[in-house]
Amino acid sequence: MNTHRPLLLTVLLASTPLWAQTAATPTAPTPGETPSRLAVGDATRSLLQRQREGSVASTVPRPIEGSVAELSHQRYLKSFQTEVPPWFGSRLGDAATGSAKE
């Protein structure tokens, strides 16, 4: 597993300029000009679009061994056998009234 760390680091460092290119860089507005703002969610939509297109995806396949995938899936399924502790609580509240629990 440690053999993948240098490769992962290289991929992350190599893709950093791609992230910087898509991010909006704030610029000072000229006098009399109102500053433009990103709409809420623009960054997320941009990221999801790049993910759908695969335009910045790695060309190196990353298969998972069957035994590793099986163990991971079994661990995921086992997580449903444990109940959420009552002390964990919820802030969702009553959906009918919209009131939050404290």
Protein backbone atom coordinates (compact mmCIF):
# COMPACT_ATOMS: atom_id res chain seq x y z
CA MET A 1 0.00 0.00 0.00
CA ASN A 2 2.88 2.36 0.72
CA THR A 3 4.05 1.92 -2.87
CA HIS A 4 1.04 3.94 -4.05
CA ARG A 5 1.75 7.00 -1.92
CA PRO A 6 4.40 8.53 -4.19
CA LEU A 7 2.16 7.94 -7.21
CA LEU A 8 -0.84 9.48 -5.45
CA LEU A 9 1.22 12.48 -4.40
CA THR A 10 2.48 12.92 -7.96
CA VAL A 11 -1.07 12.77 -9.37
CA LEU A 12 -2.32 15.29 -6.82
CA LEU A 13 0.53 17.69 -7.42
CA ALA A 14 0.22 17.36 -11.19
CA SER A 15 -3.52 18.07 -11.12
CA THR A 16 -3.24 21.13 -8.86
CA PRO A 17 -2.73 23.53 -11.80
CA LEU A 18 -5.95 22.19 -13.33
CA TRP A 19 -7.86 23.11 -10.20
CA ALA A 20 -6.29 26.54 -10.15
CA GLN A 21 -7.28 27.18 -13.77
CA THR A 22 -10.97 26.50 -13.15
CA ALA A 23 -11.21 28.52 -9.95
CA ALA A 24 -12.23 32.12 -10.24
CA THR A 25 -9.52 34.51 -9.20
CA PRO A 26 -10.87 37.65 -7.61
CA THR A 27 -9.82 40.83 -9.33
CA ALA A 28 -10.22 44.37 -8.14
CA PRO A 29 -13.11 46.08 -9.94
CA THR A 30 -12.40 49.23 -11.88
CA PRO A 31 -13.97 52.41 -10.50
CA GLY A 32 -17.71 52.47 -11.16
CA GLU A 33 -17.86 48.73 -11.82
CA THR A 34 -19.72 46.36 -9.53
CA PRO A 35 -17.72 43.26 -8.62
CA SER A 36 -18.91 40.02 -10.22
CA ARG A 37 -19.61 37.09 -7.94
CA LEU A 38 -19.82 33.39 -8.46
CA ALA A 39 -23.29 32.02 -8.03
CA VAL A 40 -23.72 29.59 -5.16
CA GLY A 41 -22.88 26.10 -6.39
CA ASP A 42 -20.81 27.12 -9.45
CA ALA A 43 -17.65 25.51 -8.11
CA THR A 44 -19.49 22.28 -7.29
CA ARG A 45 -21.21 22.16 -10.67
CA SER A 46 -17.86 22.72 -12.38
CA LEU A 47 -16.23 19.91 -10.41
CA LEU A 48 -19.09 17.50 -11.15
CA GLN A 49 -19.00 18.43 -14.85
CA ARG A 50 -15.28 17.62 -15.04
CA GLN A 51 -15.96 14.36 -13.23
CA ARG A 52 -18.72 13.41 -15.70
CA GLU A 53 -16.60 14.28 -18.73
CA GLY A 54 -13.48 12.60 -17.37
CA SER A 55 -11.48 15.44 -18.86
CA VAL A 56 -8.97 15.44 -16.00
CA ALA A 57 -9.14 11.72 -15.24
CA SER A 58 -6.03 9.61 -14.94
CA THR A 59 -5.18 7.42 -17.92
CA VAL A 60 -3.71 4.79 -15.57
CA PRO A 61 -6.27 2.11 -14.62
CA ARG A 62 -6.68 1.55 -10.89
CA PRO A 63 -8.27 -1.90 -10.50
CA ILE A 64 -9.13 -3.24 -7.05
CA GLU A 65 -8.29 -6.86 -6.35
CA GLY A 66 -11.35 -9.05 -5.92
CA SER A 67 -10.37 -10.11 -2.40
CA VAL A 68 -9.91 -6.48 -1.31
CA ALA A 69 -13.22 -5.46 -2.88
CA GLU A 70 -15.00 -8.35 -1.16
CA LEU A 71 -13.57 -7.45 2.27
CA SER A 72 -14.52 -3.81 1.77
CA HIS A 73 -18.06 -4.75 0.76
CA GLN A 74 -18.45 -7.08 3.76
CA ARG A 75 -17.26 -4.32 6.11
CA TYR A 76 -19.82 -1.96 4.52
CA LEU A 77 -22.65 -4.48 4.97
CA LYS A 78 -21.64 -5.16 8.58
CA SER A 79 -21.91 -1.44 9.36
CA PHE A 80 -25.71 -1.75 9.05
CA GLN A 81 -25.82 -4.26 11.93
CA THR A 82 -24.89 -1.62 14.49
CA GLU A 83 -27.64 0.71 15.66
CA VAL A 84 -27.04 4.43 15.94
CA PRO A 85 -26.51 5.19 19.67
CA PRO A 86 -29.40 7.12 21.27
CA TRP A 87 -26.97 9.70 22.68
CA PHE A 88 -26.00 10.63 19.13
CA GLY A 89 -29.31 12.45 18.74
CA SER A 90 -30.63 14.35 15.77
CA ARG A 91 -30.95 17.99 14.85
CA LEU A 92 -33.41 17.24 12.10
CA GLY A 93 -36.40 17.67 14.39
CA ASP A 94 -39.97 17.09 13.39
CA ALA A 95 -40.38 17.27 9.62
CA ALA A 96 -44.09 18.15 9.95
CA THR A 97 -43.55 21.27 12.08
CA GLY A 98 -40.07 22.16 10.92
CA SER A 99 -38.90 22.57 14.51
CA ALA A 100 -35.39 21.47 15.39
CA LYS A 101 -34.56 19.33 18.42
CA GLU A 102 -32.07 20.76 20.86
